[in-house]
């Protein structure tokens, strides 16, 4: 194995030793299989290739100062995958089988879990696809669940620092009551053009308003949005936002810190009133927002006047990371220690 420069890892794919797979055939999930191949053998008429029966999750494992390996909120990811399966009519994987696969793949690839002080982690990617061969739009009869892992560094190059975002109106990520609340590849494919436009103009990511009225905040890039003002943590309520496990965790930590928490529709104009704001998700944890530009209306909502992350974002970020790495007690039972 080549020497990995842990401190300078980017957020991308690195080959590891093993992945795990479970097949669903004839109405039942089979035994867990271990593979060292990076490839899947798919029928060309698989429903994942034609009708979008594809779902995935994003999770992380962390090596603590005590040497123990911790996985963050495993059961929440299992539940969200089950919700997606219900939404796009795939066979649901039970939580105990999800857990079995995650623990197995992390143990098998333990040498790829970055050391404690590097700021890197082991990214875990569970993937569930329809592999039954058919032509005609209906759910498959066969599915494959695959989990691979890869060591990753920070999602944004600058790590925990403020970033500029661009409001993009001409593209929608997801429609109300569509697949926005499910973690399916189609939502990400739908975001590629908006993302490219934002990046080409020098922004960290695109910022979406609701698809119906273009009045309310939805998501920022592939992440949930939150704003802070008057000692309150505010995050949008919408029928097309992915329920972020990181956002759910931050809401709880905000309450623990004595903040009020509001989940409600947030009008675009309200951006002008936030003292702090951030994009949050598994990959970045929190990416504090420097400003949000609305080029269509020649407006800029400057959130961080000095260009630095605000005190509450900073506190929440360090608190969540401390729980993930085992530096602070896990009072909410979020962490699974890999024995």
Foldseek 3Di string as FASTA:
>chain_A
DDDDPLLPFAADFDQFQWKKKWKFAPHDIDDIDIDRDPDDDFDPQFCCVPPQQKAKDKWWWAQFPVRWIKTFQLQVRLVQQQVQCVVQVHDRDDSVVSVVRVLVQCVVRVVQADDHPSQKTKMKMKMKGGRAGDDDDDGHNMMMIMMHIGIHHANDPVAQFAWEEEEDQPFDLAAQVGCLQHRTVSSLVSQVVQQVVQVVVPGPFYWYAHNPPSWWGAATRLFWKWFDDPLEIEGEDGRRHHPAPLVVVLQVVSVVVVGHYYYYTHTPVCLLVGLWMWTAHNRRSTHTHQWYDHVVVRDIRGNNPVRGHDPSSVVSSVVVVCCSNVVDDPPPPGIDIND
